[in-house]
């Protein structure tokens, strides 16, 4: 199983940012779920931003942890934002049909073409 490192910080605008690095799988998702849900209930921020730039792997349990955070944010009236999901993470969210729920495009942008 993989490893994940999470750090939490508050931005000047009051949003809480949770930076996640590594793998979100059976060995790591409980820590993420706890960090998201407990922070949302204790701090009640206007926004919680989960930065997934450096997430290298995410299975269905990782998706479940993000859904738990999303649901906790709705309960507390906070906005829940996924920032910079890697293509792998974005694909997992599209496959499960959850990309749109998280405000992400439901399809890959695909190759860009130039038309003069």
C-alpha atoms as a PDB file:
ATOM      1  CA  UNK A   1       0.000   0.000   0.000  1.00  0.00           C
ATOM      2  CA  UNK A   2       1.087   3.567  -0.565  1.00  0.00           C
ATOM      3  CA  UNK A   3       1.855   6.517   1.597  1.00  0.00           C
ATOM      4  CA  UNK A   4       0.209   9.899   1.710  1.00  0.00           C
ATOM      5  CA  UNK A   5       1.283  13.134   3.318  1.00  0.00           C
ATOM      6  CA  UNK A   6      -1.300  15.762   4.187  1.00  0.00           C
ATOM      7  CA  UNK A   7      -0.770  19.301   5.370  1.00  0.00           C
ATOM      8  CA  UNK A   8      -3.459  21.775   6.311  1.00  0.00           C
ATOM      9  CA  UNK A   9      -3.159  25.543   6.217  1.00  0.00           C
ATOM     10  CA  UNK A  10      -5.453  28.561   6.317  1.00  0.00           C
ATOM     11  CA  UNK A  11      -5.266  31.151   3.543  1.00  0.00           C
ATOM     12  CA  UNK A  12      -5.603  34.878   4.147  1.00  0.00           C
ATOM     13  CA  UNK A  13      -9.180  34.744   2.794  1.00  0.00           C
ATOM     14  CA  UNK A  14     -10.135  32.170   5.458  1.00  0.00           C
ATOM     15  CA  UNK A  15     -10.225  29.140   3.171  1.00  0.00           C
ATOM     16  CA  UNK A  16      -8.600  26.002   4.497  1.00  0.00           C
ATOM     17  CA  UNK A  17      -6.302  24.203   2.075  1.00  0.00           C
ATOM     18  CA  UNK A  18      -5.493  20.521   2.506  1.00  0.00           C
ATOM     19  CA  UNK A  19      -2.489  19.563   0.387  1.00  0.00           C
ATOM     20  CA  UNK A  20      -2.388  15.829  -0.334  1.00  0.00           C
ATOM     21  CA  UNK A  21       0.648  14.009  -1.733  1.00  0.00           C
ATOM     22  CA  UNK A  22       1.109  10.355  -2.577  1.00  0.00           C
ATOM     23  CA  UNK A  23      -1.422   7.527  -2.790  1.00  0.00           C
ATOM     24  CA  UNK A  24      -5.019   7.556  -1.567  1.00  0.00           C
ATOM     25  CA  UNK A  25      -5.797   3.932  -0.853  1.00  0.00           C
ATOM     26  CA  UNK A  26      -6.832   1.633   2.004  1.00  0.00           C
ATOM     27  CA  UNK A  27      -3.712   2.504   3.994  1.00  0.00           C
ATOM     28  CA  UNK A  28      -4.180   6.279   3.847  1.00  0.00           C
ATOM     29  CA  UNK A  29      -7.813   7.262   3.342  1.00  0.00           C
ATOM     30  CA  UNK A  30      -8.862   7.133   6.983  1.00  0.00           C
ATOM     31  CA  UNK A  31      -6.396   9.912   7.804  1.00  0.00           C
ATOM     32  CA  UNK A  32      -7.663  12.017   4.898  1.00  0.00           C
ATOM     33  CA  UNK A  33     -11.323  11.437   5.763  1.00  0.00           C
ATOM     34  CA  UNK A  34     -10.668  12.361   9.400  1.00  0.00           C
ATOM     35  CA  UNK A  35      -8.705  15.489   8.427  1.00  0.00           C
ATOM     36  CA  UNK A  36     -11.441  16.697   6.078  1.00  0.00           C
ATOM     37  CA  UNK A  37     -14.466  15.953   8.233  1.00  0.00           C
ATOM     38  CA  UNK A  38     -13.040  17.011  11.601  1.00  0.00           C
ATOM     39  CA  UNK A  39     -11.593  20.237  10.187  1.00  0.00           C
ATOM     40  CA  UNK A  40     -14.873  21.138   8.512  1.00  0.00           C
ATOM     41  CA  UNK A  41     -16.883  20.517  11.685  1.00  0.00           C
ATOM     42  CA  UNK A  42     -14.423  22.274  13.998  1.00  0.00           C
ATOM     43  CA  UNK A  43     -13.428  25.242  11.830  1.00  0.00           C
ATOM     44  CA  UNK A  44     -16.500  25.715   9.606  1.00  0.00           C
ATOM     45  CA  UNK A  45     -14.518  27.533   6.905  1.00  0.00           C
ATOM     46  CA  UNK A  46     -16.195  29.355   4.043  1.00  0.00           C
ATOM     47  CA  UNK A  47     -14.229  27.082   1.681  1.00  0.00           C
ATOM     48  CA  UNK A  48     -12.162  23.933   1.915  1.00  0.00           C
ATOM     49  CA  UNK A  49      -9.744  23.381  -0.946  1.00  0.00           C
ATOM     50  CA  UNK A  50      -8.252  19.921  -1.394  1.00  0.00           C
ATOM     51  CA  UNK A  51      -5.119  20.200  -3.528  1.00  0.00           C
ATOM     52  CA  UNK A  52      -4.555  16.940  -5.411  1.00  0.00           C
ATOM     53  CA  UNK A  53      -1.666  18.085  -7.609  1.00  0.00           C
ATOM     54  CA  UNK A  54       0.721  15.475  -6.232  1.00  0.00           C
ATOM     55  CA  UNK A  55      -1.673  12.543  -5.747  1.00  0.00           C
ATOM     56  CA  UNK A  56      -0.142   9.684  -7.703  1.00  0.00           C
ATOM     57  CA  UNK A  57      -2.836   7.042  -7.146  1.00  0.00           C
ATOM     58  CA  UNK A  58      -6.419   6.975  -5.905  1.00  0.00           C
ATOM     59  CA  UNK A  59      -8.720   3.980  -5.639  1.00  0.00           C
ATOM     60  CA  UNK A  60     -12.414   3.789  -4.773  1.00  0.00           C
ATOM     61  CA  UNK A  61     -11.628   4.290  -1.091  1.00  0.00           C
ATOM     62  CA  UNK A  62      -9.927   7.591  -1.950  1.00  0.00           C
ATOM     63  CA  UNK A  63     -12.987   8.630  -3.911  1.00  0.00           C
ATOM     64  CA  UNK A  64     -15.092   7.728  -0.872  1.00  0.00           C
ATOM     65  CA  UNK A  65     -12.959   9.925   1.396  1.00  0.00           C
ATOM     66  CA  UNK A  66     -13.450  12.880  -0.949  1.00  0.00           C
ATOM     67  CA  UNK A  67     -17.210  12.257  -1.006  1.00  0.00           C
ATOM     68  CA  UNK A  68     -17.199  12.219   2.823  1.00  0.00           C
ATOM     69  CA  UNK A  69     -15.468  15.597   2.781  1.00  0.00           C
ATOM     70  CA  UNK A  70     -17.927  16.939   0.224  1.00  0.00           C
ATOM     71  CA  UNK A  71     -20.885  15.780   2.347  1.00  0.00           C
ATOM     72  CA  UNK A  72     -19.382  17.265   5.533  1.00  0.00           C
ATOM     73  CA  UNK A  73     -18.867  20.560   3.702  1.00  0.00           C
ATOM     74  CA  UNK A  74     -22.527  20.601   2.663  1.00  0.00           C
ATOM     75  CA  UNK A  75     -23.555  19.928   6.273  1.00  0.00           C
ATOM     76  CA  UNK A  76     -21.470  22.846   7.548  1.00  0.00           C
ATOM     77  CA  UNK A  77     -22.313  25.256   4.730  1.00  0.00           C
ATOM     78  CA  UNK A  78     -18.770  25.277   3.373  1.00  0.00           C
ATOM     79  CA  UNK A  79     -17.730  25.206  -0.264  1.00  0.00           C
ATOM     80  CA  UNK A  80     -15.679  22.091  -1.177  1.00  0.00           C
ATOM     81  CA  UNK A  81     -13.185  22.467  -4.016  1.00  0.00           C
ATOM     82  CA  UNK A  82     -10.811  19.973  -5.589  1.00  0.00           C
ATOM     83  CA  UNK A  83      -7.739  21.764  -6.935  1.00  0.00           C
ATOM     84  CA  UNK A  84      -5.475  20.449  -9.701  1.00  0.00           C
ATOM     85  CA  UNK A  85      -6.458  16.791  -9.801  1.00  0.00           C
ATOM     86  CA  UNK A  86      -3.971  14.800 -11.853  1.00  0.00           C
ATOM     87  CA  UNK A  87      -5.297  13.189 -15.020  1.00  0.00           C
ATOM     88  CA  UNK A  88      -5.367   9.843 -13.166  1.00  0.00           C
ATOM     89  CA  UNK A  89      -7.476  11.282 -10.325  1.00  0.00           C
ATOM     90  CA  UNK A  90      -9.728  13.160 -12.727  1.00  0.00           C
ATOM     91  CA  UNK A  91     -10.276   9.953 -14.709  1.00  0.00           C
ATOM     92  CA  UNK A  92     -11.278   8.099 -11.530  1.00  0.00           C
ATOM     93  CA  UNK A  93     -13.833  10.806 -10.775  1.00  0.00           C
ATOM     94  CA  UNK A  94     -15.184  10.737 -14.342  1.00  0.00           C
ATOM     95  CA  UNK A  95     -15.483   6.930 -14.299  1.00  0.00           C
ATOM     96  CA  UNK A  96     -17.481   7.049 -11.066  1.00  0.00           C
ATOM     97  CA  UNK A  97     -19.698   9.835 -12.394  1.00  0.00           C
ATOM     98  CA  UNK A  98     -18.593  12.222  -9.638  1.00  0.00           C
ATOM     99  CA  UNK A  99     -16.529  14.724 -11.632  1.00  0.00           C
ATOM    100  CA  UNK A 100     -19.446  17.099 -12.116  1.00  0.00           C
ATOM    101  CA  UNK A 101     -20.440  16.881  -8.446  1.00  0.00           C
ATOM    102  CA  UNK A 102     -16.971  18.218  -7.611  1.00  0.00           C
ATOM    103  CA  UNK A 103     -17.265  20.920 -10.279  1.00  0.00           C
ATOM    104  CA  UNK A 104     -14.817  19.248 -12.665  1.00  0.00           C
ATOM    105  CA  UNK A 105     -15.406  18.716 -16.367  1.00  0.00           C
ATOM    106  CA  UNK A 106     -17.053  15.368 -17.037  1.00  0.00           C
ATOM    107  CA  UNK A 107     -14.848  14.742 -20.078  1.00  0.00           C
ATOM    108  CA  UNK A 108     -11.217  15.248 -20.946  1.00  0.00           C
ATOM    109  CA  UNK A 109     -10.627  18.384 -22.969  1.00  0.00           C
ATOM    110  CA  UNK A 110      -9.082  16.261 -25.721  1.00  0.00           C
ATOM    111  CA  UNK A 111      -6.592  17.450 -28.302  1.00  0.00           C
ATOM    112  CA  UNK A 112      -6.707  21.121 -29.115  1.00  0.00           C
ATOM    113  CA  UNK A 113      -6.932  22.137 -32.756  1.00  0.00           C
ATOM    114  CA  UNK A 114      -6.257  25.485 -34.330  1.00  0.00           C
ATOM    115  CA  UNK A 115      -8.634  26.778 -36.965  1.00  0.00           C
ATOM    116  CA  UNK A 116      -7.530  30.004 -38.701  1.00  0.00           C
END
